[in-house]
Amino acid sequence: MTTNTDRFYVHLGASQARRRLKGHGFGVKKVETAGKNRAVIIHTATGRHLRQLESLFHDVIEVKKNDT
């Protein structure tokens, strides 16, 4: 069974991101460090859960850049 995972980056350390997620879930599989004060959140959230997950990190989420 293969799961489709997506990821987004936040301007928080991994431990701070985990603290924000505590008790929520939203399909988050992993929170990994991506440098100093930066974390990547690997998730399977879609629809409403994705919107709730993004709203939880609305103040620190990195803007997605288009790959052209």
Protein backbone atom coordinates (compact mmCIF):
# COMPACT_ATOMS: atom_id res chain seq x y z
CA MET A 1 0.00 0.00 0.00
CA THR A 2 1.43 3.34 -1.05
CA THR A 3 0.40 6.57 0.64
CA ASN A 4 0.65 9.92 -1.07
CA THR A 5 2.44 12.33 1.19
CA ASP A 6 2.88 16.04 0.81
CA ARG A 7 5.07 18.41 2.73
CA PHE A 8 5.32 22.03 3.67
CA TYR A 9 7.94 24.08 5.44
CA VAL A 10 7.47 26.32 8.47
CA HIS A 11 9.66 28.92 10.14
CA LEU A 12 9.76 27.04 13.44
CA GLY A 13 12.05 24.48 14.95
CA ALA A 14 10.88 20.87 14.72
CA SER A 15 10.16 20.63 18.45
CA GLN A 16 8.07 23.82 18.38
CA ALA A 17 6.12 22.49 15.39
CA ARG A 18 5.47 19.23 17.25
CA ARG A 19 4.17 21.21 20.23
CA ARG A 20 1.67 23.03 18.03
CA LEU A 21 0.49 19.72 16.58
CA LYS A 22 0.06 18.03 19.95
CA GLY A 23 -3.45 16.65 20.21
CA HIS A 24 -4.45 17.51 16.62
CA GLY A 25 -3.02 14.94 14.20
CA PHE A 26 -4.51 16.05 10.84
CA GLY A 27 -2.71 13.24 9.00
CA VAL A 28 0.80 14.33 9.97
CA LYS A 29 3.27 11.47 9.54
CA LYS A 30 6.55 13.19 10.46
CA VAL A 31 8.01 16.49 11.55
CA GLU A 32 11.68 16.81 10.63
CA THR A 33 14.24 19.53 11.01
CA ALA A 34 15.16 21.44 7.85
CA GLY A 35 17.82 23.73 9.29
CA LYS A 36 17.95 26.26 12.06
CA ASN A 37 14.44 27.41 13.04
CA ARG A 38 12.94 25.57 10.07
CA ALA A 39 10.94 22.34 9.93
CA VAL A 40 9.27 20.23 7.27
CA ILE A 41 5.88 18.71 8.02
CA ILE A 42 5.17 15.53 6.08
CA HIS A 43 1.46 14.78 5.95
CA THR A 44 -1.37 12.99 4.15
CA ALA A 45 -4.02 15.60 4.96
CA THR A 46 -6.54 16.57 2.30
CA GLY A 47 -9.60 18.78 2.14
CA ARG A 48 -10.79 20.12 5.47
CA HIS A 49 -7.92 18.57 7.43
CA LEU A 50 -5.38 20.23 5.14
CA ARG A 51 -7.03 23.62 5.64
CA GLN A 52 -7.05 23.08 9.42
CA LEU A 53 -3.39 22.04 9.37
CA GLU A 54 -2.40 25.10 7.34
CA SER A 55 -4.41 27.40 9.61
CA LEU A 56 -2.57 25.98 12.64
CA PHE A 57 0.68 27.23 11.07
CA HIS A 58 -0.71 30.28 9.22
CA ASP A 59 1.72 32.71 10.88
CA VAL A 60 4.89 30.72 10.13
CA ILE A 61 4.20 28.76 6.93
CA GLU A 62 6.61 29.36 4.06
CA VAL A 63 5.14 30.57 0.80
CA LYS A 64 5.27 27.87 -1.85
CA LYS A 65 7.43 28.76 -4.82
CA ASN A 66 6.50 27.63 -8.33
CA ASP A 67 9.11 25.49 -10.03
CA THR A 68 9.49 26.93 -13.52
